[in-house]
Amino acid sequence: MPRFPLNFIPKLGFQKGSGRRWFGASRDHGERMHAGCDLIARTGTPIYAVAGGFAFYKKKFYQGTYELVVIHPPLIVRYGEIDRELPAGVVMGETVREGQHIANVGCLGMLHFEMYKNTASGELTNLYNKKFDYVEGSKFKRRRDLLDPTPFLERWAAWTDWSQTNAEDWQ
């Protein structure tokens, strides 16, 4: 059963109306819409695989951070704004297991979490796409199979076994 990607639920929410961290929030003075949920956490905070799957690729992402794209069949997750270095055992093309430490929060102090249904092909970022199959809006600048991760994150937060976390992980 999938789990939340951090070992705590951030105090600053990721749902609609919580600052500009929520999916669909306006960006760049209305030129684009936020394509993920930002989970606020200290730099270096461990990030865990939400489900089993395989590490697809890692590359530069945004303002000195990186992204790790993991295929969790049938979905794709972009773990964005992470640190350049991955934990030992995370190898591109290799399996990751649910709950495995797969990355650390990067210098921007958040995990940018995006999801895709894996029904389209091509790069996840698509500056010219204005048509989306599963979400309302036209300014996400992402692939057409983009999903709103909010209900998934809320469900996974309810399903996560928080007894396995350390008190110092909570913020």
Foldseek 3Di string as FASTA:
>chain_A
DFAAFALEQAPQHQDPPRPQQHFQRADPNNQAGQQFGKGFAAFFGFTWARAKFAWADKDPDPDQAIWTWTCRPPKIKIFTQFHPDWDPPRDHPDMDGHGDRTTTHHPVRITTIWMFRNPDDDFQAACPFQAADEDDGGGHRGDRRTDRCVVVNVVNHVVDPSVPDDPVRYD
